[in-house]
Protein backbone atom coordinates (compact mmCIF):
# COMPACT_ATOMS: atom_id res chain seq x y z
CA MET A 1 0.01 0.08 -0.03
CA ARG A 2 2.94 2.69 0.84
CA GLU A 3 4.61 2.08 -2.51
CA GLN A 4 1.42 2.50 -4.40
CA VAL A 5 0.44 5.69 -2.54
CA LEU A 6 3.76 7.28 -2.61
CA ALA A 7 3.83 6.36 -6.39
CA ALA A 8 0.60 8.11 -7.22
CA CYS A 9 0.93 11.13 -4.99
CA LYS A 10 1.10 14.50 -7.12
CA ARG A 11 0.52 17.31 -4.86
CA ILE A 12 3.30 17.15 -2.02
CA VAL A 13 3.73 19.39 0.94
CA VAL A 14 7.60 19.13 2.06
CA LYS A 15 8.41 20.75 5.54
CA VAL A 16 12.09 21.46 5.88
CA GLY A 17 13.32 21.46 9.42
CA SER A 18 15.44 24.24 10.80
CA SER A 19 18.37 21.83 11.28
CA LEU A 20 18.38 21.33 7.45
CA VAL A 21 18.56 24.77 6.26
CA ALA A 22 20.16 26.51 9.57
CA SER A 23 23.39 25.55 11.47
CA SER A 24 23.16 25.49 15.29
CA GLN A 25 26.15 27.72 15.38
CA GLY A 26 24.26 30.12 13.36
CA GLY A 27 23.91 30.95 9.59
CA LEU A 28 22.07 29.35 6.84
CA ARG A 29 23.35 26.17 5.30
CA LEU A 30 23.52 27.43 1.50
CA ASP A 31 24.93 23.90 0.65
CA ARG A 32 22.06 22.13 1.84
CA ILE A 33 19.24 24.81 0.57
CA ASN A 34 21.11 24.20 -3.04
CA ARG A 35 20.69 20.36 -2.75
CA LEU A 36 17.22 20.72 -1.70
CA ALA A 37 16.33 22.76 -4.61
CA GLN A 38 17.95 20.68 -6.92
CA GLU A 39 15.97 17.55 -5.49
CA LEU A 40 12.50 19.46 -5.31
CA GLY A 41 13.21 20.87 -9.09
CA THR A 42 13.72 17.20 -10.21
CA LEU A 43 10.53 16.32 -8.70
CA GLN A 44 8.57 19.29 -10.09
CA ALA A 45 9.97 18.49 -13.57
CA GLN A 46 8.47 14.94 -13.06
CA ASP A 47 5.11 16.80 -13.08
CA ARG A 48 4.81 16.68 -9.31
CA GLN A 49 3.34 19.78 -7.49
CA ILE A 50 5.54 20.96 -4.68
CA VAL A 51 4.51 23.29 -1.79
CA VAL A 52 7.43 23.96 0.77
CA VAL A 53 6.93 24.75 4.57
CA SER A 54 10.29 25.92 5.44
CA SER A 55 11.59 26.97 8.96
CA GLY A 56 15.03 28.68 9.41
CA ALA A 57 14.00 32.32 9.74
CA ILE A 58 14.62 32.97 13.09
CA VAL A 59 18.04 31.20 13.35
CA ALA A 60 19.11 33.07 10.32
CA GLY A 61 18.11 36.28 11.72
CA LEU A 62 19.73 35.48 15.10
CA SER A 63 23.01 34.84 13.22
CA HIS A 64 23.02 37.89 11.29
CA LEU A 65 21.97 39.86 14.69
CA ALA A 66 25.11 38.16 16.42
CA ILE A 67 22.74 36.65 18.86
CA PHE A 68 24.03 33.30 19.78
CA SER A 69 21.59 31.83 21.98
CA TYR A 70 18.02 30.98 21.32
CA PRO A 71 16.17 34.12 23.05
CA ALA A 72 13.06 32.95 25.35
CA GLU A 73 11.38 36.40 24.82
CA LEU A 74 8.62 36.47 21.93
CA PRO A 75 9.74 40.13 20.72
CA LEU A 76 13.32 39.00 20.24
CA GLN A 77 12.08 36.25 18.40
CA GLN A 78 9.98 38.15 16.21
CA ALA A 79 12.43 40.40 15.38
CA ALA A 80 15.04 37.90 14.43
CA ALA A 81 12.43 36.60 12.28
CA ALA A 82 12.12 39.68 10.55
CA VAL A 83 15.79 40.17 9.77
CA GLY A 84 16.23 36.19 9.00
CA GLN A 85 12.95 35.69 6.52
CA SER A 86 14.32 37.77 3.78
CA ARG A 87 17.89 36.18 4.11
CA LEU A 88 16.00 32.78 4.02
CA MET A 89 14.24 33.53 0.90
CA ARG A 90 16.96 35.25 -0.98
CA ALA A 91 18.70 31.71 -0.34
CA TYR A 92 15.96 29.94 -1.86
CA GLU A 93 15.56 32.29 -4.71
CA MET A 94 19.25 31.73 -5.69
CA ALA A 95 18.97 27.92 -5.21
CA PHE A 96 15.67 27.78 -7.34
CA GLU A 97 16.82 29.96 -10.16
CA GLU A 98 19.47 27.26 -10.86
CA THR A 99 17.03 24.82 -11.42
CA LYS A 100 14.87 27.39 -13.77
CA ASN A 101 11.98 27.19 -11.01
CA LYS A 102 9.93 30.11 -9.73
CA ILE A 103 9.31 30.73 -6.21
CA ALA A 104 7.08 32.46 -4.06
CA GLN A 105 6.95 33.60 -0.49
CA VAL A 106 3.64 33.11 1.51
CA LEU A 107 3.48 34.01 5.25
CA LEU A 108 0.62 32.73 7.32
CA THR A 109 -0.82 33.07 10.78
CA HIS A 110 -3.30 31.00 12.82
CA GLN A 111 -5.83 33.71 12.40
CA ASP A 112 -5.57 33.53 8.51
CA LEU A 113 -6.84 30.06 8.57
CA SER A 114 -9.25 30.23 11.49
CA ASP A 115 -11.35 32.83 9.48
CA ARG A 116 -13.27 30.82 6.65
CA ARG A 117 -13.13 33.60 4.19
CA ARG A 118 -9.33 34.07 4.57
CA PHE A 119 -8.69 30.20 4.51
CA LEU A 120 -10.46 29.95 1.25
CA ASN A 121 -8.77 33.10 -0.22
CA ALA A 122 -5.34 31.45 1.01
CA ARG A 123 -6.33 28.40 -0.60
CA HIS A 124 -7.42 30.12 -3.87
CA THR A 125 -4.05 32.00 -3.96
CA LEU A 126 -1.88 28.76 -3.34
CA ASN A 127 -3.73 26.74 -5.98
CA THR A 128 -3.22 29.73 -8.59
CA LEU A 129 0.36 29.51 -7.91
CA ILE A 130 0.72 25.94 -8.27
CA GLN A 131 -1.17 26.18 -11.32
CA LEU A 132 1.25 28.59 -12.57
CA ARG A 133 4.14 26.10 -11.86
CA VAL A 134 5.37 28.26 -8.96
CA ILE A 135 6.61 26.67 -5.73
CA PRO A 136 5.29 28.34 -2.71
CA ILE A 137 7.66 28.68 0.03
CA ILE A 138 5.56 29.15 3.27
CA ASN A 139 6.40 30.19 7.00
CA GLU A 140 4.65 31.09 9.75
CA ASN A 141 4.41 34.97 10.02
CA ASP A 142 6.60 35.04 13.41
CA THR A 143 6.78 38.86 13.20
CA VAL A 144 3.29 39.43 13.85
CA ALA A 145 1.91 36.22 15.32
CA ILE A 146 1.26 36.69 19.00
CA GLU A 147 1.81 33.77 21.60
CA GLU A 148 -1.98 33.11 21.94
CA ILE A 149 -2.66 32.48 18.19
CA ARG A 150 0.63 30.95 17.02
CA PHE A 151 0.74 27.61 15.28
CA GLY A 152 3.95 27.39 17.39
CA ASP A 153 6.10 25.21 15.24
CA ASN A 154 6.13 24.49 11.60
CA ASP A 155 5.27 20.85 11.90
CA THR A 156 1.82 21.88 12.98
CA LEU A 157 1.74 24.54 10.28
CA ALA A 158 2.72 21.96 7.29
CA GLY A 159 -0.23 19.67 8.54
CA GLU A 160 -2.64 22.90 8.33
CA VAL A 161 -1.03 23.59 4.96
CA ALA A 162 -1.62 19.85 3.72
CA HIS A 163 -5.19 20.30 4.56
CA LEU A 164 -4.96 23.86 2.98
CA VAL A 165 -3.96 22.74 -0.49
CA ASP A 166 -5.53 19.06 -0.73
CA ALA A 167 -1.96 17.73 -0.70
CA ASP A 168 -1.65 13.92 -1.72
CA LEU A 169 1.15 13.65 0.71
CA LEU A 170 3.05 15.57 3.37
CA VAL A 171 6.74 14.86 3.69
CA ILE A 172 8.61 16.08 7.00
CA LEU A 173 12.17 16.29 6.41
CA SER A 174 14.48 16.43 9.37
CA ASP A 175 17.77 15.08 10.61
CA VAL A 176 16.38 11.79 11.75
CA ASP A 177 15.74 8.84 9.72
CA GLY A 178 12.16 8.59 10.99
CA LEU A 179 10.32 7.12 14.05
CA TYR A 180 12.18 4.51 16.17
CA SER A 181 11.19 2.10 18.81
CA GLN A 182 13.27 3.72 21.33
CA ASP A 183 15.65 6.62 21.31
CA PRO A 184 18.52 5.57 18.92
CA HIS A 185 21.11 7.99 20.60
CA LEU A 186 20.42 6.09 23.68
CA ASN A 187 19.85 2.51 22.65
CA PRO A 188 21.85 1.66 19.29
CA SER A 189 19.67 -1.46 18.98
CA ALA A 190 16.60 0.57 18.61
CA GLU A 191 14.68 -0.30 15.39
CA LEU A 192 13.07 2.04 12.61
CA ILE A 193 9.52 1.68 12.43
CA PRO A 194 8.65 1.75 8.81
CA LEU A 195 4.86 2.01 8.88
CA VAL A 196 2.33 3.54 11.34
CA ALA A 197 -1.31 2.44 10.67
CA ASN A 198 -2.50 4.47 13.46
CA VAL A 199 -1.40 7.21 15.68
CA THR A 200 -2.07 5.56 19.07
CA LYS A 201 -1.07 6.64 22.53
CA ASP A 202 1.77 4.19 22.39
CA ILE A 203 3.06 5.84 19.23
CA GLU A 204 2.89 9.15 20.86
CA ASP A 205 4.89 7.73 23.81
CA LEU A 206 7.57 6.93 21.49
CA ALA A 207 8.36 10.70 20.63
CA GLY A 208 10.20 12.00 23.71
CA THR A 209 10.69 15.53 23.98
CA SER A 210 14.25 16.38 22.57
CA ARG A 211 14.98 19.33 20.56
CA THR A 212 17.80 21.25 18.96
CA GLN A 213 18.85 24.82 19.33
CA ALA A 214 17.72 25.40 15.96
CA SER A 215 14.27 23.93 16.16
CA ARG A 216 11.18 24.62 18.06
CA GLY A 217 9.77 21.45 17.28
CA GLY A 218 10.65 17.63 17.98
CA MET A 219 9.47 14.24 17.15
CA VAL A 220 6.41 15.13 19.15
CA THR A 221 5.25 17.69 16.99
CA LYS A 222 6.12 15.66 13.96
CA ILE A 223 3.80 12.71 15.26
CA ARG A 224 1.10 15.45 15.84
CA ALA A 225 1.35 16.88 12.50
CA ALA A 226 1.09 13.38 10.95
CA LYS A 227 -2.01 12.52 13.01
CA GLN A 228 -3.58 15.98 11.90
CA ALA A 229 -2.79 15.26 8.40
CA GLY A 230 -4.18 11.88 8.76
CA ARG A 231 -7.53 13.17 9.81
CA PHE A 232 -7.39 15.08 6.54
CA GLY A 233 -7.02 12.16 4.53
CA VAL A 234 -3.33 13.09 3.88
CA PRO A 235 -0.58 10.32 4.56
CA THR A 236 2.65 11.45 6.27
CA LEU A 237 6.22 10.48 5.28
CA LEU A 238 8.90 11.26 8.12
CA LEU A 239 12.27 11.33 6.24
CA ASN A 240 15.98 12.02 6.67
CA GLY A 241 16.47 15.24 4.83
CA GLU A 242 20.31 14.86 5.35
CA THR A 243 20.32 11.88 2.77
CA PRO A 244 20.87 13.05 -0.67
CA HIS A 245 17.99 12.13 -3.15
CA ALA A 246 16.05 10.61 -0.22
CA LEU A 247 12.56 11.78 -1.05
CA GLU A 248 13.06 10.89 -4.69
CA ASP A 249 14.27 7.51 -3.90
CA VAL A 250 11.26 6.76 -1.56
CA LEU A 251 8.70 8.25 -4.17
CA ASN A 252 10.49 5.63 -6.69
CA GLY A 253 9.50 2.86 -4.50
CA LYS A 254 12.79 2.53 -2.25
CA PRO A 255 12.73 1.80 1.56
CA GLY A 256 13.26 4.64 3.85
CA GLY A 257 11.52 6.90 6.68
CA THR A 258 8.38 6.08 8.44
CA PHE A 259 5.04 6.21 6.55
CA PHE A 260 1.89 7.34 8.39
CA VAL A 261 -1.26 5.94 7.10
CA SER A 262 -4.24 8.39 6.61
CA ASP A 263 -7.88 8.15 7.41
CA GLN A 264 -9.83 6.25 4.60
CA SER A 265 -12.95 8.46 5.12
CA PRO A 266 -12.11 11.89 5.91
CA LEU A 267 -14.16 14.63 6.70
CA THR A 268 -15.34 17.41 4.29
CA SER A 269 -13.05 20.21 3.94
CA ARG A 270 -15.32 22.58 6.00
CA LYS A 271 -15.97 19.93 8.90
CA GLN A 272 -12.05 19.46 8.84
CA TRP A 273 -11.72 23.06 9.28
CA ILE A 274 -14.29 23.31 12.06
CA ALA A 275 -12.87 20.28 14.07
CA TYR A 276 -8.92 20.64 13.55
CA THR A 277 -8.08 24.36 12.47
CA LEU A 278 -10.56 26.35 14.73
CA ARG A 279 -9.63 26.66 18.45
CA PRO A 280 -12.52 26.52 20.84
CA LYS A 281 -13.22 29.86 22.55
CA GLY A 282 -15.32 27.68 25.39
CA GLU A 283 -16.94 24.52 26.25
CA VAL A 284 -20.32 23.38 27.42
CA ARG A 285 -20.93 20.40 29.40
CA LEU A 286 -23.86 18.11 28.53
CA ASP A 287 -26.17 15.60 30.18
CA GLU A 288 -26.07 12.12 29.10
CA GLY A 289 -29.19 12.42 26.79
CA ALA A 290 -27.61 15.16 24.92
CA VAL A 291 -24.36 13.32 24.42
CA ALA A 292 -26.28 10.39 23.18
CA ALA A 293 -28.32 12.43 20.57
CA LEU A 294 -25.11 13.89 19.28
CA THR A 295 -22.84 10.73 19.18
CA LEU A 296 -25.25 8.05 18.41
CA ARG A 297 -28.15 9.83 16.53
CA GLY A 298 -26.32 12.61 14.59
CA LYS A 299 -28.66 15.39 16.16
CA SER A 300 -28.08 18.83 16.70
CA LEU A 301 -27.36 20.38 20.25
CA LEU A 302 -30.45 21.71 21.91
CA PRO A 303 -30.27 23.99 25.20
CA SER A 304 -32.15 21.50 27.14
CA GLY A 305 -29.04 19.25 27.31
CA ILE A 306 -26.62 21.64 28.61
CA LEU A 307 -25.51 21.63 32.30
CA ASP A 308 -22.84 24.00 32.25
CA ILE A 309 -20.66 26.54 30.18
CA THR A 310 -17.23 27.76 30.52
CA GLY A 311 -15.30 30.38 28.35
CA ILE A 312 -16.20 33.79 27.03
CA PHE A 313 -17.43 33.29 23.13
CA LEU A 314 -19.77 35.12 20.94
CA THR A 315 -22.22 33.79 18.32
CA GLY A 316 -20.37 32.06 15.51
CA ASP A 317 -17.21 30.89 17.69
CA PRO A 318 -16.01 27.50 17.93
CA ILE A 319 -16.87 25.62 21.13
CA THR A 320 -16.12 22.28 22.62
CA CYS A 321 -18.84 20.00 23.53
CA ALA A 322 -18.10 17.62 26.60
CA THR A 323 -19.50 15.10 28.89
CA ARG A 324 -20.68 15.83 32.33
CA GLU A 325 -17.39 14.69 33.64
CA GLY A 326 -15.40 16.99 31.29
CA MET A 327 -14.44 14.53 28.41
CA PRO A 328 -14.36 16.57 25.00
CA PHE A 329 -16.06 14.74 22.26
CA ALA A 330 -17.18 17.22 19.67
CA GLN A 331 -16.48 20.76 18.49
CA GLY A 332 -18.93 23.09 16.83
CA LEU A 333 -20.00 26.65 16.01
CA THR A 334 -22.46 28.11 18.38
CA ASN A 335 -25.59 30.05 17.41
CA TYR A 336 -25.31 31.72 21.10
CA SER A 337 -22.95 33.70 22.95
CA ALA A 338 -21.86 32.38 26.30
CA GLU A 339 -23.91 35.23 28.08
CA THR A 340 -27.22 34.02 26.42
CA LEU A 341 -26.36 30.22 26.97
CA HIS A 342 -26.00 30.96 30.56
CA ARG A 343 -29.86 32.18 30.44
CA ILE A 344 -31.18 29.32 28.26
CA LYS A 345 -29.26 26.13 29.61
CA GLY A 346 -31.43 23.45 30.56
CA LYS A 347 -34.35 25.03 28.88
CA LYS A 348 -36.99 23.57 26.65
CA THR A 349 -37.12 25.10 22.95
CA SER A 350 -40.66 26.15 23.82
CA ASP A 351 -39.51 28.20 26.76
CA ILE A 352 -36.63 30.05 25.18
CA ARG A 353 -39.03 32.65 23.25
CA GLN A 354 -40.73 33.75 26.24
CA LEU A 355 -37.21 33.90 28.05
CA LEU A 356 -35.39 35.99 25.44
CA GLY A 357 -38.26 37.66 23.66
CA SER A 358 -37.65 35.93 20.46
CA LEU A 359 -36.08 32.48 18.87
CA GLU A 360 -33.60 33.17 16.42
CA TYR A 361 -32.47 29.43 16.49
CA GLU A 362 -33.77 26.22 18.05
CA GLU A 363 -30.29 24.67 18.28
CA VAL A 364 -27.26 25.99 19.87
CA ILE A 365 -25.31 24.10 17.43
CA HIS A 366 -26.72 23.04 14.30
CA ARG A 367 -25.49 19.17 13.26
CA ASP A 368 -24.21 20.88 9.99
CA ASN A 369 -21.89 22.85 12.21
CA LEU A 370 -20.81 19.84 14.52
CA VAL A 371 -18.06 17.54 14.13
CA LEU A 372 -17.43 14.49 16.42
CA THR A 373 -13.70 14.27 17.43
CA LYS A 374 -14.23 11.13 19.33
CA GLN A 375 -16.36 8.63 18.10
CA GLN A 376 -17.22 6.69 21.25
CA VAL A 377 -17.76 8.19 24.57
CA SER A 378 -18.06 5.61 27.53
């Protein structure tokens, strides 16, 4: 199955880790960027469609500013990103010119994807670039993103981009060969796991927490991105980008890396956006009858089933649905603000008109705007 999927994939999102394009001692690895451009240019010439998500701007900026340790302060990270992004793009521009490929810089924030209109506009722009045979080079807009709305790492961003462009494959290039049964630095007999059919807790526990100075991510974020992309119906390949021609070889049927299988029945694009791109502004806890109505019968959420509300949110905001005990199992777009829900929780629909003076919606969340994030609730 792996070989068939890889051979057939046409649109590929390639995430390039900081350690591949920037040295931990500072500065860009121009030789590695040039080699990457050659490899991706070859794939583009084979009628593949390449989208790049690249880290490295902050590290490049720190080097140019003669700052030799990764700063904890967000403003300093943002300043370094502002300095380093142009240097990173200049390196990519020069490298891809050698392969006769055009590139485009695209900077995104989570706000760009959490607003449906901006999400669709970004999708249209990227699709147009791809149709023009231009390779988008995407990075988080670190200079303007605030802590609360950051993607936080480019593995997460790459998973979102795979959904954004309807990719056939997400490739995460880093300085490791793939996912191992144990940490290979601590146990030389650790075995590479070639295929992951489902990202279980046991798989997540294999990730560890190690990071390099040049990177905000680690194996944890890579597995999380693979799980996220899998929900969108996009398989993921975790591969060592230090190995020459590694991606081209794997796409041609050679072994290598760890392949994460995707869901076979992914949600529609809009429901994927509701469930996995939007960040909830609050939570409603439901009684057992409401939980059963949503999970077993596919019904909308009514006010009568709501026990409690937490958070501050407005009409149209995403909120989480949880059991009485607090276990989240669904996410949706609310028709009522938190203030109004506090007034109508537990009430029958027939009582709400008298209570509010009008009845705009019978449902708190219509089933078309509701997505189950956990299929079984015990």
